[in-house]
Amino acid sequence: MCSGCIPVSLRRNRFLLLGPCQWRLARNPSPARNPSPARNHRAAEPGVEQGPGHREQAPLPETPGPLGRMAKTYDYLFKLLLIGDSGVGKTCLLFRFSEDAFNTTFISTIGIDFKIRTIDFEGKKIKLQIWDTAGQERFRTITTAYYRGAMGIMLVYDITNEKSFDNIRNWIRNIEEHASSDVERMVLGNKCDMNDKRQVSRERGEKLAIDYGIKFLETSAKSSINVEESFFTLARDIMMRLNRKMNDNNPPGGAGPVKITESRSKKSFFRCSLL
């Protein structure tokens, strides 16, 4: 009750107040009754429960920023893929490159996973989206679906595992079947820090890469040997391929010469005549 108000009558939960400037009828809401909806009700505050008469208001449209959309923080987006047998160290290579970390505990990848790292190359920011695939046969139908759209693929084998090296040819066949024809490829012989357990020589890895016309590096995720170099080299090859495509589509000095070939028209059995 404000100062200056005088109670005139009191009946149950109603009381009439005589104020200095106005008459006011105040009523204490009863929980047993449903209050009538207000005509000019305000929007409900978050977390406050409204009565049955409450009607939701449509949210106001968001006001776009000055540019209408968020500015990109990179110039190019490259999708890379790591493939190879299970246990060759694909996940360790990915973690070493993306987070500069190494975990000695072996945890087999289930399905597929990915990491992101942005690098600088010739004044451009390149966002690398690197997908780590499971090497087990039961996930093969899932992982091959990610070949499409990949701009670069790394084929990883374990230098201490002869079978993983022999299966590189099978992985290359999978690339030829499911990936684009112009995808950049690279062979990585991982775990090169374990020379005492080596089963695949460096020369055999180089010869395999030469046979397929792709680049080769021996790496070690544990000792961080050639990990950065391998990803940067693959990104540089992708960038060079994109630049070549742009130059081919936009030759200097305007459009190049147009080659006109005479096409043979098929003979028709119907002839038009002017009557």
C-alpha atoms as a PDB file:
ATOM      1  CA  MET A   1       0.000   0.000   0.000  1.00  0.00           C
ATOM      2  CA  CYS A   2       1.466   3.333  -0.999  1.00  0.00           C
ATOM      3  CA  SER A   3       1.502   6.366   1.230  1.00  0.00           C
ATOM      4  CA  GLY A   4      -1.584   8.551   0.989  1.00  0.00           C
ATOM      5  CA  CYS A   5      -3.950   5.648   0.116  1.00  0.00           C
ATOM      6  CA  ILE A   6      -6.829   5.024   2.502  1.00  0.00           C
ATOM      7  CA  PRO A   7      -8.660   1.650   2.587  1.00  0.00           C
ATOM      8  CA  VAL A   8     -12.380   2.310   2.177  1.00  0.00           C
ATOM      9  CA  SER A   9     -13.826  -1.216   2.239  1.00  0.00           C
ATOM     10  CA  LEU A  10     -12.433  -4.734   2.545  1.00  0.00           C
ATOM     11  CA  ARG A  11     -14.305  -7.802   1.350  1.00  0.00           C
ATOM     12  CA  ARG A  12     -12.598 -11.196   1.017  1.00  0.00           C
ATOM     13  CA  ASN A  13      -9.740 -10.633  -1.349  1.00  0.00           C
ATOM     14  CA  ARG A  14     -10.924  -7.290  -2.664  1.00  0.00           C
ATOM     15  CA  PHE A  15     -10.089  -3.932  -1.218  1.00  0.00           C
ATOM     16  CA  LEU A  16     -10.783  -0.492  -2.544  1.00  0.00           C
ATOM     17  CA  LEU A  17      -8.100   2.115  -2.186  1.00  0.00           C
ATOM     18  CA  LEU A  18      -8.810   5.774  -2.243  1.00  0.00           C
ATOM     19  CA  GLY A  19      -5.691   7.518  -3.423  1.00  0.00           C
ATOM     20  CA  PRO A  20      -4.978  11.158  -3.673  1.00  0.00           C
ATOM     21  CA  CYS A  21      -5.317  11.262  -7.444  1.00  0.00           C
ATOM     22  CA  GLN A  22      -7.281   8.189  -8.511  1.00  0.00           C
ATOM     23  CA  TRP A  23      -9.442   5.232  -7.548  1.00  0.00           C
ATOM     24  CA  ARG A  24      -7.809   1.879  -7.912  1.00  0.00           C
ATOM     25  CA  LEU A  25      -9.251  -1.616  -7.604  1.00  0.00           C
ATOM     26  CA  ALA A  26      -6.539  -4.119  -6.709  1.00  0.00           C
ATOM     27  CA  ARG A  27      -7.103  -7.836  -6.636  1.00  0.00           C
ATOM     28  CA  ASN A  28      -4.828 -10.551  -5.313  1.00  0.00           C
ATOM     29  CA  PRO A  29      -4.719 -13.381  -7.926  1.00  0.00           C
ATOM     30  CA  SER A  30      -6.215 -16.633  -6.718  1.00  0.00           C
ATOM     31  CA  PRO A  31      -4.306 -19.830  -7.713  1.00  0.00           C
ATOM     32  CA  ALA A  32      -7.554 -21.758  -8.018  1.00  0.00           C
ATOM     33  CA  ARG A  33      -8.958 -19.524 -10.731  1.00  0.00           C
ATOM     34  CA  ASN A  34      -7.700 -18.995 -14.271  1.00  0.00           C
ATOM     35  CA  PRO A  35      -6.800 -15.385 -14.882  1.00  0.00           C
ATOM     36  CA  SER A  36      -8.198 -13.832 -18.005  1.00  0.00           C
ATOM     37  CA  PRO A  37      -5.581 -13.028 -20.653  1.00  0.00           C
ATOM     38  CA  ALA A  38      -4.478  -9.455 -20.738  1.00  0.00           C
ATOM     39  CA  ARG A  39      -5.195  -7.566 -23.905  1.00  0.00           C
ATOM     40  CA  ASN A  40      -1.875  -5.810 -24.007  1.00  0.00           C
ATOM     41  CA  HIS A  41       0.342  -8.471 -22.465  1.00  0.00           C
ATOM     42  CA  ARG A  42       4.087  -8.286 -22.618  1.00  0.00           C
ATOM     43  CA  ALA A  43       6.410 -11.006 -23.909  1.00  0.00           C
ATOM     44  CA  ALA A  44       7.160 -13.688 -21.322  1.00  0.00           C
ATOM     45  CA  GLU A  45      10.483 -13.567 -19.611  1.00  0.00           C
ATOM     46  CA  PRO A  46      12.670 -16.651 -20.059  1.00  0.00           C
ATOM     47  CA  GLY A  47      12.187 -19.208 -17.319  1.00  0.00           C
ATOM     48  CA  VAL A  48       8.840 -17.723 -16.124  1.00  0.00           C
ATOM     49  CA  GLU A  49       5.883 -20.078 -16.471  1.00  0.00           C
ATOM     50  CA  GLN A  50       2.780 -18.452 -17.948  1.00  0.00           C
ATOM     51  CA  GLY A  51      -0.846 -19.214 -17.252  1.00  0.00           C
ATOM     52  CA  PRO A  52      -3.280 -20.963 -19.605  1.00  0.00           C
ATOM     53  CA  GLY A  53      -4.297 -17.647 -21.105  1.00  0.00           C
ATOM     54  CA  HIS A  54      -0.770 -16.826 -22.220  1.00  0.00           C
ATOM     55  CA  ARG A  55      -0.219 -16.662 -25.987  1.00  0.00           C
ATOM     56  CA  GLU A  56       3.222 -16.953 -27.495  1.00  0.00           C
ATOM     57  CA  GLN A  57       4.489 -14.075 -29.578  1.00  0.00           C
ATOM     58  CA  ALA A  58       6.476 -14.669 -32.726  1.00  0.00           C
ATOM     59  CA  PRO A  59      10.191 -13.911 -32.204  1.00  0.00           C
ATOM     60  CA  LEU A  60      11.537 -10.810 -33.804  1.00  0.00           C
ATOM     61  CA  PRO A  61      13.693 -11.406 -36.891  1.00  0.00           C
ATOM     62  CA  GLU A  62      17.401 -11.170 -36.273  1.00  0.00           C
ATOM     63  CA  THR A  63      19.068  -8.090 -37.586  1.00  0.00           C
ATOM     64  CA  PRO A  64      21.858  -8.982 -39.991  1.00  0.00           C
ATOM     65  CA  GLY A  65      25.282  -7.573 -39.468  1.00  0.00           C
ATOM     66  CA  PRO A  66      26.751  -4.792 -41.577  1.00  0.00           C
ATOM     67  CA  LEU A  67      27.987  -7.292 -44.141  1.00  0.00           C
ATOM     68  CA  GLY A  68      24.985  -9.593 -43.929  1.00  0.00           C
ATOM     69  CA  ARG A  69      27.176 -12.627 -43.159  1.00  0.00           C
ATOM     70  CA  MET A  70      30.263 -13.623 -41.238  1.00  0.00           C
ATOM     71  CA  ALA A  71      33.524 -13.084 -43.047  1.00  0.00           C
ATOM     72  CA  LYS A  72      35.545 -16.196 -43.876  1.00  0.00           C
ATOM     73  CA  THR A  73      38.792 -16.659 -41.997  1.00  0.00           C
ATOM     74  CA  TYR A  74      40.478 -18.591 -44.826  1.00  0.00           C
ATOM     75  CA  ASP A  75      41.041 -18.311 -48.569  1.00  0.00           C
ATOM     76  CA  TYR A  76      40.942 -22.000 -49.535  1.00  0.00           C
ATOM     77  CA  LEU A  77      39.460 -25.157 -48.061  1.00  0.00           C
ATOM     78  CA  PHE A  78      41.256 -28.415 -48.855  1.00  0.00           C
ATOM     79  CA  LYS A  79      39.766 -31.779 -47.958  1.00  0.00           C
ATOM     80  CA  LEU A  80      42.457 -34.383 -47.260  1.00  0.00           C
ATOM     81  CA  LEU A  81      42.104 -38.094 -46.546  1.00  0.00           C
ATOM     82  CA  LEU A  82      44.301 -40.545 -44.618  1.00  0.00           C
ATOM     83  CA  ILE A  83      43.935 -44.172 -45.667  1.00  0.00           C
ATOM     84  CA  GLY A  84      45.817 -47.372 -44.918  1.00  0.00           C
ATOM     85  CA  ASP A  85      45.656 -50.536 -42.872  1.00  0.00           C
ATOM     86  CA  SER A  86      44.618 -50.497 -39.235  1.00  0.00           C
ATOM     87  CA  GLY A  87      47.440 -49.748 -36.804  1.00  0.00           C
ATOM     88  CA  VAL A  88      49.818 -48.007 -39.229  1.00  0.00           C
ATOM     89  CA  GLY A  89      49.576 -44.712 -37.299  1.00  0.00           C
ATOM     90  CA  LYS A  90      47.137 -42.597 -39.321  1.00  0.00           C
ATOM     91  CA  THR A  91      45.497 -41.140 -36.211  1.00  0.00           C
ATOM     92  CA  CYS A  92      48.880 -40.429 -34.621  1.00  0.00           C
ATOM     93  CA  LEU A  93      49.987 -38.532 -37.723  1.00  0.00           C
ATOM     94  CA  LEU A  94      46.781 -36.520 -37.660  1.00  0.00           C
ATOM     95  CA  PHE A  95      47.146 -35.608 -33.980  1.00  0.00           C
ATOM     96  CA  ARG A  96      50.817 -34.745 -34.403  1.00  0.00           C
ATOM     97  CA  PHE A  97      50.009 -32.349 -37.243  1.00  0.00           C
ATOM     98  CA  SER A  98      46.808 -30.809 -35.855  1.00  0.00           C
ATOM     99  CA  GLU A  99      47.620 -30.657 -32.126  1.00  0.00           C
ATOM    100  CA  ASP A 100      51.370 -31.428 -31.967  1.00  0.00           C
ATOM    101  CA  ALA A 101      50.620 -34.312 -29.599  1.00  0.00           C
ATOM    102  CA  PHE A 102      51.353 -38.021 -29.501  1.00  0.00           C
ATOM    103  CA  ASN A 103      49.501 -40.744 -27.617  1.00  0.00           C
ATOM    104  CA  THR A 104      51.220 -44.069 -27.012  1.00  0.00           C
ATOM    105  CA  THR A 105      47.891 -45.809 -26.343  1.00  0.00           C
ATOM    106  CA  PHE A 106      46.519 -47.500 -29.446  1.00  0.00           C
ATOM    107  CA  ILE A 107      42.821 -46.834 -30.002  1.00  0.00           C
ATOM    108  CA  SER A 108      41.422 -48.094 -33.281  1.00  0.00           C
ATOM    109  CA  THR A 109      39.388 -45.512 -35.204  1.00  0.00           C
ATOM    110  CA  ILE A 110      35.705 -46.411 -35.482  1.00  0.00           C
ATOM    111  CA  GLY A 111      34.298 -45.308 -38.818  1.00  0.00           C
ATOM    112  CA  ILE A 112      35.815 -41.926 -39.550  1.00  0.00           C
ATOM    113  CA  ASP A 113      37.046 -38.836 -37.735  1.00  0.00           C
ATOM    114  CA  PHE A 114      38.526 -35.499 -38.767  1.00  0.00           C
ATOM    115  CA  LYS A 115      40.640 -32.585 -37.585  1.00  0.00           C
ATOM    116  CA  ILE A 116      41.098 -29.052 -38.895  1.00  0.00           C
ATOM    117  CA  ARG A 117      44.194 -26.881 -39.128  1.00  0.00           C
ATOM    118  CA  THR A 118      44.719 -23.625 -40.991  1.00  0.00           C
ATOM    119  CA  ILE A 119      48.128 -22.985 -42.552  1.00  0.00           C
ATOM    120  CA  ASP A 120      49.690 -20.053 -44.410  1.00  0.00           C
ATOM    121  CA  PHE A 121      51.004 -20.621 -47.905  1.00  0.00           C
ATOM    122  CA  GLU A 122      52.269 -17.835 -50.164  1.00  0.00           C
ATOM    123  CA  GLY A 123      50.211 -15.227 -48.341  1.00  0.00           C
ATOM    124  CA  LYS A 124      47.017 -17.296 -48.449  1.00  0.00           C
ATOM    125  CA  LYS A 125      45.246 -18.990 -45.551  1.00  0.00           C
ATOM    126  CA  ILE A 126      44.443 -22.605 -46.357  1.00  0.00           C
ATOM    127  CA  LYS A 127      42.056 -24.501 -44.137  1.00  0.00           C
ATOM    128  CA  LEU A 128      42.926 -28.200 -44.131  1.00  0.00           C
ATOM    129  CA  GLN A 129      40.055 -30.530 -43.305  1.00  0.00           C
ATOM    130  CA  ILE A 130      41.803 -33.846 -42.672  1.00  0.00           C
ATOM    131  CA  TRP A 131      39.712 -37.002 -42.476  1.00  0.00           C
ATOM    132  CA  ASP A 132      41.053 -40.036 -40.622  1.00  0.00           C
ATOM    133  CA  THR A 133      39.535 -43.280 -41.881  1.00  0.00           C
ATOM    134  CA  ALA A 134      39.312 -46.660 -40.187  1.00  0.00           C
ATOM    135  CA  GLY A 135      41.531 -49.262 -41.789  1.00  0.00           C
ATOM    136  CA  GLN A 136      39.449 -52.262 -40.789  1.00  0.00           C
ATOM    137  CA  GLU A 137      37.584 -54.125 -43.496  1.00  0.00           C
ATOM    138  CA  ARG A 138      34.194 -53.824 -41.778  1.00  0.00           C
ATOM    139  CA  PHE A 139      34.289 -50.039 -42.165  1.00  0.00           C
ATOM    140  CA  ARG A 140      35.359 -50.098 -45.800  1.00  0.00           C
ATOM    141  CA  THR A 141      31.912 -49.290 -47.206  1.00  0.00           C
ATOM    142  CA  ILE A 142      31.708 -46.225 -44.956  1.00  0.00           C
ATOM    143  CA  THR A 143      35.170 -44.855 -45.635  1.00  0.00           C
ATOM    144  CA  THR A 144      35.035 -45.205 -49.429  1.00  0.00           C
ATOM    145  CA  ALA A 145      32.137 -42.753 -49.487  1.00  0.00           C
ATOM    146  CA  TYR A 146      34.567 -40.054 -48.303  1.00  0.00           C
ATOM    147  CA  TYR A 147      36.865 -40.533 -51.290  1.00  0.00           C
ATOM    148  CA  ARG A 148      34.537 -38.386 -53.391  1.00  0.00           C
ATOM    149  CA  GLY A 149      35.388 -34.741 -53.004  1.00  0.00           C
ATOM    150  CA  ALA A 150      38.835 -35.395 -51.544  1.00  0.00           C
ATOM    151  CA  MET A 151      41.493 -33.131 -53.028  1.00  0.00           C
ATOM    152  CA  GLY A 152      44.445 -34.985 -51.547  1.00  0.00           C
ATOM    153  CA  ILE A 153      44.917 -38.518 -50.205  1.00  0.00           C
ATOM    154  CA  MET A 154      47.748 -39.872 -48.082  1.00  0.00           C
ATOM    155  CA  LEU A 155      48.404 -43.608 -48.245  1.00  0.00           C
ATOM    156  CA  VAL A 156      50.073 -44.710 -45.007  1.00  0.00           C
ATOM    157  CA  TYR A 157      51.884 -47.964 -44.273  1.00  0.00           C
ATOM    158  CA  ASP A 158      53.978 -49.182 -41.352  1.00  0.00           C
ATOM    159  CA  ILE A 159      57.658 -49.818 -42.141  1.00  0.00           C
ATOM    160  CA  THR A 160      57.653 -52.544 -39.467  1.00  0.00           C
ATOM    161  CA  ASN A 161      54.693 -54.313 -41.086  1.00  0.00           C
ATOM    162  CA  GLU A 162      55.267 -55.964 -44.468  1.00  0.00           C
ATOM    163  CA  LYS A 163      51.582 -56.648 -45.041  1.00  0.00           C
ATOM    164  CA  SER A 164      50.586 -53.011 -44.635  1.00  0.00           C
ATOM    165  CA  PHE A 165      53.078 -52.119 -47.375  1.00  0.00           C
ATOM    166  CA  ASP A 166      51.789 -54.803 -49.735  1.00  0.00           C
ATOM    167  CA  ASN A 167      48.219 -53.526 -49.249  1.00  0.00           C
ATOM    168  CA  ILE A 168      49.142 -50.067 -50.518  1.00  0.00           C
ATOM    169  CA  ARG A 169      48.441 -51.293 -54.049  1.00  0.00           C
ATOM    170  CA  ASN A 170      44.940 -52.303 -52.966  1.00  0.00           C
ATOM    171  CA  TRP A 171      44.390 -48.867 -51.448  1.00  0.00           C
ATOM    172  CA  ILE A 172      45.539 -47.262 -54.695  1.00  0.00           C
ATOM    173  CA  ARG A 173      42.947 -49.329 -56.568  1.00  0.00           C
ATOM    174  CA  ASN A 174      40.283 -48.042 -54.184  1.00  0.00           C
ATOM    175  CA  ILE A 175      41.348 -44.497 -55.000  1.00  0.00           C
ATOM    176  CA  GLU A 176      41.109 -45.174 -58.728  1.00  0.00           C
ATOM    177  CA  GLU A 177      37.603 -46.576 -58.267  1.00  0.00           C
ATOM    178  CA  HIS A 178      36.078 -44.074 -55.846  1.00  0.00           C
ATOM    179  CA  ALA A 179      38.102 -40.820 -55.967  1.00  0.00           C
ATOM    180  CA  SER A 180      38.361 -38.193 -58.678  1.00  0.00           C
ATOM    181  CA  SER A 181      40.944 -38.724 -61.372  1.00  0.00           C
ATOM    182  CA  ASP A 182      42.935 -35.571 -60.560  1.00  0.00           C
ATOM    183  CA  VAL A 183      43.261 -36.133 -56.804  1.00  0.00           C
ATOM    184  CA  GLU A 184      46.736 -35.553 -55.404  1.00  0.00           C
ATOM    185  CA  ARG A 185      48.299 -38.608 -53.750  1.00  0.00           C
ATOM    186  CA  MET A 186      51.252 -39.281 -51.475  1.00  0.00           C
ATOM    187  CA  VAL A 187      52.708 -42.436 -49.901  1.00  0.00           C
ATOM    188  CA  LEU A 188      53.917 -42.238 -46.296  1.00  0.00           C
ATOM    189  CA  GLY A 189      56.078 -44.893 -44.651  1.00  0.00           C
ATOM    190  CA  ASN A 190      55.288 -44.276 -40.990  1.00  0.00           C
ATOM    191  CA  LYS A 191      57.205 -45.254 -37.825  1.00  0.00           C
ATOM    192  CA  CYS A 192      60.606 -44.604 -39.373  1.00  0.00           C
ATOM    193  CA  ASP A 193      61.978 -44.101 -35.844  1.00  0.00           C
ATOM    194  CA  MET A 194      61.776 -47.904 -35.330  1.00  0.00           C
ATOM    195  CA  ASN A 195      64.695 -48.846 -37.568  1.00  0.00           C
ATOM    196  CA  ASP A 196      65.550 -51.863 -35.451  1.00  0.00           C
ATOM    197  CA  LYS A 197      62.177 -53.432 -36.384  1.00  0.00           C
ATOM    198  CA  ARG A 198      62.126 -52.301 -40.005  1.00  0.00           C
ATOM    199  CA  GLN A 199      60.696 -54.793 -42.530  1.00  0.00           C
ATOM    200  CA  VAL A 200      60.259 -52.457 -45.520  1.00  0.00           C
ATOM    201  CA  SER A 201      63.313 -50.631 -46.823  1.00  0.00           C
ATOM    202  CA  ARG A 202      63.173 -47.016 -47.909  1.00  0.00           C
ATOM    203  CA  GLU A 203      64.147 -48.016 -51.439  1.00  0.00           C
ATOM    204  CA  ARG A 204      61.074 -50.240 -51.777  1.00  0.00           C
ATOM    205  CA  GLY A 205      58.824 -47.392 -50.721  1.00  0.00           C
ATOM    206  CA  GLU A 206      60.463 -45.038 -53.207  1.00  0.00           C
ATOM    207  CA  LYS A 207      60.142 -47.585 -56.018  1.00  0.00           C
ATOM    208  CA  LEU A 208      56.438 -48.072 -55.302  1.00  0.00           C
ATOM    209  CA  ALA A 209      55.860 -44.333 -55.442  1.00  0.00           C
ATOM    210  CA  ILE A 210      57.797 -44.025 -58.704  1.00  0.00           C
ATOM    211  CA  ASP A 211      55.766 -46.832 -60.277  1.00  0.00           C
ATOM    212  CA  TYR A 212      52.537 -44.901 -59.623  1.00  0.00           C
ATOM    213  CA  GLY A 213      54.020 -41.461 -60.235  1.00  0.00           C
ATOM    214  CA  ILE A 214      53.333 -40.122 -56.749  1.00  0.00           C
ATOM    215  CA  LYS A 215      55.483 -38.604 -53.995  1.00  0.00           C
ATOM    216  CA  PHE A 216      56.939 -40.509 -51.062  1.00  0.00           C
ATOM    217  CA  LEU A 217      58.134 -39.659 -47.570  1.00  0.00           C
ATOM    218  CA  GLU A 218      59.057 -41.633 -44.478  1.00  0.00           C
ATOM    219  CA  THR A 219      57.498 -40.177 -41.336  1.00  0.00           C
ATOM    220  CA  SER A 220      57.367 -40.654 -37.591  1.00  0.00           C
ATOM    221  CA  ALA A 221      54.464 -39.322 -35.562  1.00  0.00           C
ATOM    222  CA  LYS A 222      56.275 -40.178 -32.349  1.00  0.00           C
ATOM    223  CA  SER A 223      59.473 -38.303 -33.194  1.00  0.00           C
ATOM    224  CA  SER A 224      57.686 -35.708 -35.378  1.00  0.00           C
ATOM    225  CA  ILE A 225      59.773 -36.524 -38.448  1.00  0.00           C
ATOM    226  CA  ASN A 226      58.501 -35.216 -41.811  1.00  0.00           C
ATOM    227  CA  VAL A 227      54.926 -34.832 -40.495  1.00  0.00           C
ATOM    228  CA  GLU A 228      54.699 -31.112 -41.215  1.00  0.00           C
ATOM    229  CA  GLU A 229      56.561 -31.544 -44.491  1.00  0.00           C
ATOM    230  CA  SER A 230      54.159 -34.203 -45.759  1.00  0.00           C
ATOM    231  CA  PHE A 231      50.992 -32.161 -45.163  1.00  0.00           C
ATOM    232  CA  PHE A 232      52.536 -28.939 -46.467  1.00  0.00           C
ATOM    233  CA  THR A 233      53.822 -30.715 -49.565  1.00  0.00           C
ATOM    234  CA  LEU A 234      50.406 -32.168 -50.331  1.00  0.00           C
ATOM    235  CA  ALA A 235      48.726 -28.788 -49.793  1.00  0.00           C
ATOM    236  CA  ARG A 236      51.293 -27.130 -52.094  1.00  0.00           C
ATOM    237  CA  ASP A 237      50.640 -29.711 -54.823  1.00  0.00           C
ATOM    238  CA  ILE A 238      46.896 -29.092 -54.574  1.00  0.00           C
ATOM    239  CA  MET A 239      47.437 -25.338 -54.795  1.00  0.00           C
ATOM    240  CA  MET A 240      49.662 -25.712 -57.849  1.00  0.00           C
ATOM    241  CA  ARG A 241      47.039 -27.881 -59.546  1.00  0.00           C
ATOM    242  CA  LEU A 242      44.353 -25.282 -58.849  1.00  0.00           C
ATOM    243  CA  ASN A 243      46.579 -22.527 -60.252  1.00  0.00           C
ATOM    244  CA  ARG A 244      47.200 -24.550 -63.396  1.00  0.00           C
ATOM    245  CA  LYS A 245      43.467 -25.005 -63.864  1.00  0.00           C
ATOM    246  CA  MET A 246      42.871 -21.287 -63.446  1.00  0.00           C
ATOM    247  CA  ASN A 247      45.595 -20.460 -65.978  1.00  0.00           C
ATOM    248  CA  ASP A 248      44.182 -22.959 -68.452  1.00  0.00           C
ATOM    249  CA  ASN A 249      40.698 -21.484 -68.103  1.00  0.00           C
ATOM    250  CA  ASN A 250      41.949 -17.883 -68.273  1.00  0.00           C
ATOM    251  CA  PRO A 251      44.946 -17.757 -70.633  1.00  0.00           C
ATOM    252  CA  PRO A 252      46.939 -14.487 -70.660  1.00  0.00           C
ATOM    253  CA  GLY A 253      46.129 -12.028 -73.428  1.00  0.00           C
ATOM    254  CA  GLY A 254      42.495 -12.918 -73.675  1.00  0.00           C
ATOM    255  CA  ALA A 255      40.910 -15.895 -75.258  1.00  0.00           C
ATOM    256  CA  GLY A 256      43.113 -18.291 -77.116  1.00  0.00           C
ATOM    257  CA  PRO A 257      42.620 -19.419 -80.664  1.00  0.00           C
ATOM    258  CA  VAL A 258      39.363 -21.132 -81.389  1.00  0.00           C
ATOM    259  CA  LYS A 259      39.612 -24.359 -83.305  1.00  0.00           C
ATOM    260  CA  ILE A 260      36.741 -24.876 -85.674  1.00  0.00           C
ATOM    261  CA  THR A 261      36.039 -28.362 -86.921  1.00  0.00           C
ATOM    262  CA  GLU A 262      33.673 -29.156 -89.706  1.00  0.00           C
ATOM    263  CA  SER A 263      30.955 -31.500 -88.528  1.00  0.00           C
ATOM    264  CA  ARG A 264      29.399 -33.920 -90.898  1.00  0.00           C
ATOM    265  CA  SER A 265      25.664 -33.641 -91.111  1.00  0.00           C
ATOM    266  CA  LYS A 266      23.584 -36.740 -91.342  1.00  0.00           C
ATOM    267  CA  LYS A 267      21.698 -37.265 -94.576  1.00  0.00           C
ATOM    268  CA  SER A 268      17.964 -36.858 -94.226  1.00  0.00           C
ATOM    269  CA  PHE A 269      15.370 -38.891 -96.019  1.00  0.00           C
ATOM    270  CA  PHE A 270      13.075 -35.839 -96.162  1.00  0.00           C
ATOM    271  CA  ARG A 271      13.722 -32.852 -98.392  1.00  0.00           C
ATOM    272  CA  CYS A 272      12.019 -29.472 -98.413  1.00  0.00           C
ATOM    273  CA  SER A 273      10.842 -28.024-101.723  1.00  0.00           C
ATOM    274  CA  LEU A 274       9.415 -24.622-102.533  1.00  0.00           C
ATOM    275  CA  LEU A 275       6.060 -24.915-104.226  1.00  0.00           C
END
